[in-house]
Amino acid sequence: MMASVAFDPPPTPRRPLPAKRRGDRFGRGDRSALAVWFWEIDRVLLALVTLLIGIGLIAVAAAAPAAAHRYSDATHTMPTLFYFWRQLMWTALAVPVLIATSMLPKDIARKLALAGAVLFTILLILVPILGGAEKNGAQRWIFLGPIQVQPSEFLKPMFVVAVAWVLSLRSRDQQLPVVPMTFGYLALIGGFLMKQPDLGQTVIFASVWLCLLTLSGFPLKWLGVIGAAGVGALGCAYMFYSVARTRIDGFLKIGEAGKQVDSYQVESAYNTLTNGGLVGMGPGAGIMKFRLPEPHTDYIYSVIGEEFGLIACLAIALIYLAIVMRVFIKLLHEEDQFLFFASAGLATQFGLQALINMMVNVHLAPSKGMTLPFISYGGSSMIALSLGFGLLLAFTRKNPYLSRSPYIVTWNSGVAGGPERTAQR
């Protein structure tokens, strides 16, 4: 009988690994800096601010012909879309600033913001020395060649971070006089802002400071005292500060000077905003916008109302509201005091600026000379807002998978009183 011979099967050829698909680049296994940022960032906030930037470009394009007409004269005619192309350039510079700032680690973002607070406070003090000629009756800019820099715009988010950091130090030392320290800083900034003059920015700085004091658990009776002092300060400003008196008189239609200046601006903005009805007159079809003093900056909300309608204005207001509410909802579970104060302050400052601008345009507040965030034209405003919103995105970054991991170590008090190390499964 013949012996059987066993033959080993031929080895199975190894299949080449599939090439990495383009869609896997931002998968959960991708640990590149951009992928980690994409998964940790609040993508809802990022989408909302991107929407605002897009709306801003459309709005500036609509307001650019009116602005060009206003600043043209017999010897010089500005191109119709001059301000739109300039805003497109500023946007191209501001968006990378926003993204880069939001990618910073929280500690580094805090340290850079504190350094920025020192730098722009010094620049604010130097505005009367290094500033150029007045513009619309105010001296708020430092001229660096062809570029105008408004230090107060950059200082706003830095001020929020600085105050938040000082208030958070009280958790380490209860005896630290954080309220007098932050009030002294506010008084310094407010004094130089009133010299420019810039009453609107002073109101925002003071309001954000008061909001942070409230969130820090400052006693209500002392908050009431501060509120009463603020009302008294406004009364003193009306009596002794000619800019405030003119603005308020114009809004309340008291006094001939106020009627001729402030009332005309606010009423023109209101008439422009309501001229388009619910759905607007259509892109480029606005007429009343040519009567506005600053159609591409302070009163761009009215231009939107005329050309795109009151429904578009309402939608923009809801976007701002959604951003502020989104931040405060995220902060409900924030345990770090500094991150809580800084994020809440930045969201408050952002929303308050938008609210004041819209109230001026609908004739509910006197003119403040304040831009609409990410929509109004302006280089300093656009880049400063991108810095501030980038800081907000950096401080609200979360690891979406950290709380789901079964290997998170927590510390609980044991039966005998000592700490007990447990692992969440």
Foldseek 3Di string as FASTA:
>chain_A
DDDDDDDDDDDDDDDDDDDDDPVCCLPPPNPDLVSQLVQFFPVVLVVLLVVLLVQQLLLLLLLQQLVQVLPADPVGGDDSCPLSVVLVVLLVVQVVLLVVLLSDALVVNLVVLLVLLVVLLVVLVCQVPQFDDDDPQFRQWHDDDPDTARSLLLNQLSLLLVLLVLLLCCVVPVPDPSPVVNVVVLVSNCVSCCVRPFVPSNVLSVVLNLVLCVVSVPDPVVSVVVVVVVVVVLVVCCVPPVVSVLQVCLLVVHDDSSVVPFVQQLVLLQCLLPQQAAAAPARNPGDSSSVHPACQWLRSLSSCSHHGNPPVSVVSLVSLVVSLVVQVVLLPPDDRSSLSSSLNSLSSSLSVLQVVSVCSSNSNGIRRRGGHQSNGGDNNNSNSNSSSSSSNRNSSGDNPCPVVDQADWDWDQDPVGHIDIDTHD
